[in-house]
Amino acid sequence: MKELLDLLDERVTSLCREVDALRQENTQLRQDLTEKTGPLAEENAALKEALAQERNARETAASRIDSLLQRLTKHLPE
């Protein structure tokens, strides 16, 4: 019976070490992920801003073109 308890004790100790190692690895992986995705998030934000500016510029250009076409249409003989 003592041998079984000793074996159980060893196994529990081993599992606890394994859990600790996995937690440490998980922490390291999360840190690595944060370090790698941080710059990507910044680049993504910059690209979204550039896209929004481009869309705004296109909408402004389209609006001006529509206005010019309306002016031309009013001045053309029917």
C-alpha atoms as a PDB file:
ATOM      1  CA  MET A   1       0.000   0.000   0.000  1.00  0.00           C
ATOM      2  CA  LYS A   2       2.852   2.363   0.834  1.00  0.00           C
ATOM      3  CA  GLU A   3       4.388   1.774  -2.577  1.00  0.00           C
ATOM      4  CA  LEU A   4       1.146   2.716  -4.296  1.00  0.00           C
ATOM      5  CA  LEU A   5       0.862   5.897  -2.251  1.00  0.00           C
ATOM      6  CA  ASP A   6       4.487   6.741  -3.010  1.00  0.00           C
ATOM      7  CA  LEU A   7       3.853   6.127  -6.698  1.00  0.00           C
ATOM      8  CA  LEU A   8       0.727   8.290  -6.565  1.00  0.00           C
ATOM      9  CA  ASP A   9       2.685  11.014  -4.780  1.00  0.00           C
ATOM     10  CA  GLU A  10       5.385  10.907  -7.458  1.00  0.00           C
ATOM     11  CA  ARG A  11       2.814  11.041 -10.234  1.00  0.00           C
ATOM     12  CA  VAL A  12       0.994  13.991  -8.656  1.00  0.00           C
ATOM     13  CA  THR A  13       4.310  15.803  -8.229  1.00  0.00           C
ATOM     14  CA  SER A  14       5.192  15.067 -11.842  1.00  0.00           C
ATOM     15  CA  LEU A  15       1.821  16.320 -13.059  1.00  0.00           C
ATOM     16  CA  CYS A  16       2.164  19.493 -11.001  1.00  0.00           C
ATOM     17  CA  ARG A  17       5.567  20.158 -12.582  1.00  0.00           C
ATOM     18  CA  GLU A  18       4.105  19.525 -16.011  1.00  0.00           C
ATOM     19  CA  VAL A  19       1.221  21.923 -15.348  1.00  0.00           C
ATOM     20  CA  ASP A  20       3.685  24.571 -14.144  1.00  0.00           C
ATOM     21  CA  ALA A  21       5.803  24.104 -17.273  1.00  0.00           C
ATOM     22  CA  LEU A  22       2.732  24.360 -19.500  1.00  0.00           C
ATOM     23  CA  ARG A  23       1.586  27.513 -17.727  1.00  0.00           C
ATOM     24  CA  GLN A  24       5.015  29.040 -18.198  1.00  0.00           C
ATOM     25  CA  GLU A  25       5.027  28.057 -21.872  1.00  0.00           C
ATOM     26  CA  ASN A  26       1.526  29.483 -22.287  1.00  0.00           C
ATOM     27  CA  THR A  27       2.632  32.760 -20.715  1.00  0.00           C
ATOM     28  CA  GLN A  28       5.633  32.914 -23.047  1.00  0.00           C
ATOM     29  CA  LEU A  29       3.493  32.155 -26.094  1.00  0.00           C
ATOM     30  CA  ARG A  30       1.014  34.876 -25.149  1.00  0.00           C
ATOM     31  CA  GLN A  31       3.859  37.338 -24.704  1.00  0.00           C
ATOM     32  CA  ASP A  32       5.345  36.374 -28.077  1.00  0.00           C
ATOM     33  CA  LEU A  33       1.944  36.730 -29.708  1.00  0.00           C
ATOM     34  CA  THR A  34       1.453  40.175 -28.194  1.00  0.00           C
ATOM     35  CA  GLU A  35       4.890  41.276 -29.377  1.00  0.00           C
ATOM     36  CA  LYS A  36       4.207  40.057 -32.902  1.00  0.00           C
ATOM     37  CA  THR A  37       0.643  41.302 -33.242  1.00  0.00           C
ATOM     38  CA  GLY A  38       1.295  44.730 -31.732  1.00  0.00           C
ATOM     39  CA  PRO A  39       3.058  46.109 -34.813  1.00  0.00           C
ATOM     40  CA  LEU A  40       0.515  44.404 -37.059  1.00  0.00           C
ATOM     41  CA  ALA A  41      -2.327  46.079 -35.190  1.00  0.00           C
ATOM     42  CA  GLU A  42      -0.619  49.448 -35.616  1.00  0.00           C
ATOM     43  CA  GLU A  43      -0.087  48.819 -39.320  1.00  0.00           C
ATOM     44  CA  ASN A  44      -3.704  47.678 -39.667  1.00  0.00           C
ATOM     45  CA  ALA A  45      -4.930  50.880 -38.012  1.00  0.00           C
ATOM     46  CA  ALA A  46      -2.760  52.973 -40.343  1.00  0.00           C
ATOM     47  CA  LEU A  47      -4.061  51.082 -43.378  1.00  0.00           C
ATOM     48  CA  LYS A  48      -7.664  51.539 -42.255  1.00  0.00           C
ATOM     49  CA  GLU A  49      -7.063  55.269 -41.856  1.00  0.00           C
ATOM     50  CA  ALA A  50      -5.469  55.468 -45.311  1.00  0.00           C
ATOM     51  CA  LEU A  51      -8.396  53.545 -46.786  1.00  0.00           C
ATOM     52  CA  ALA A  52     -10.887  55.882 -45.125  1.00  0.00           C
ATOM     53  CA  GLN A  53      -9.025  58.888 -46.522  1.00  0.00           C
ATOM     54  CA  GLU A  54      -8.969  57.327 -49.990  1.00  0.00           C
ATOM     55  CA  ARG A  55     -12.704  56.628 -49.840  1.00  0.00           C
ATOM     56  CA  ASN A  56     -13.348  60.182 -48.703  1.00  0.00           C
ATOM     57  CA  ALA A  57     -11.227  61.544 -51.557  1.00  0.00           C
ATOM     58  CA  ARG A  58     -13.113  59.378 -54.073  1.00  0.00           C
ATOM     59  CA  GLU A  59     -16.485  60.477 -52.704  1.00  0.00           C
ATOM     60  CA  THR A  60     -15.410  64.111 -52.902  1.00  0.00           C
ATOM     61  CA  ALA A  61     -14.187  63.639 -56.473  1.00  0.00           C
ATOM     62  CA  ALA A  62     -17.394  61.851 -57.473  1.00  0.00           C
ATOM     63  CA  SER A  63     -19.465  64.645 -55.963  1.00  0.00           C
ATOM     64  CA  ARG A  64     -17.499  67.297 -57.838  1.00  0.00           C
ATOM     65  CA  ILE A  65     -17.821  65.346 -61.091  1.00  0.00           C
ATOM     66  CA  ASP A  66     -21.593  65.077 -60.563  1.00  0.00           C
ATOM     67  CA  SER A  67     -21.784  68.834 -59.982  1.00  0.00           C
ATOM     68  CA  LEU A  68     -19.778  69.547 -63.127  1.00  0.00           C
ATOM     69  CA  LEU A  69     -21.962  67.209 -65.170  1.00  0.00           C
ATOM     70  CA  GLN A  70     -25.082  68.946 -63.882  1.00  0.00           C
ATOM     71  CA  ARG A  71     -23.630  72.331 -64.831  1.00  0.00           C
ATOM     72  CA  LEU A  72     -22.819  71.069 -68.314  1.00  0.00           C
ATOM     73  CA  THR A  73     -26.261  69.532 -68.704  1.00  0.00           C
ATOM     74  CA  LYS A  74     -27.946  72.826 -67.783  1.00  0.00           C
ATOM     75  CA  HIS A  75     -25.926  74.753 -70.349  1.00  0.00           C
ATOM     76  CA  LEU A  76     -26.279  72.332 -73.250  1.00  0.00           C
ATOM     77  CA  PRO A  77     -29.089  72.925 -75.707  1.00  0.00           C
ATOM     78  CA  GLU A  78     -31.795  70.353 -75.689  1.00  0.00           C
END
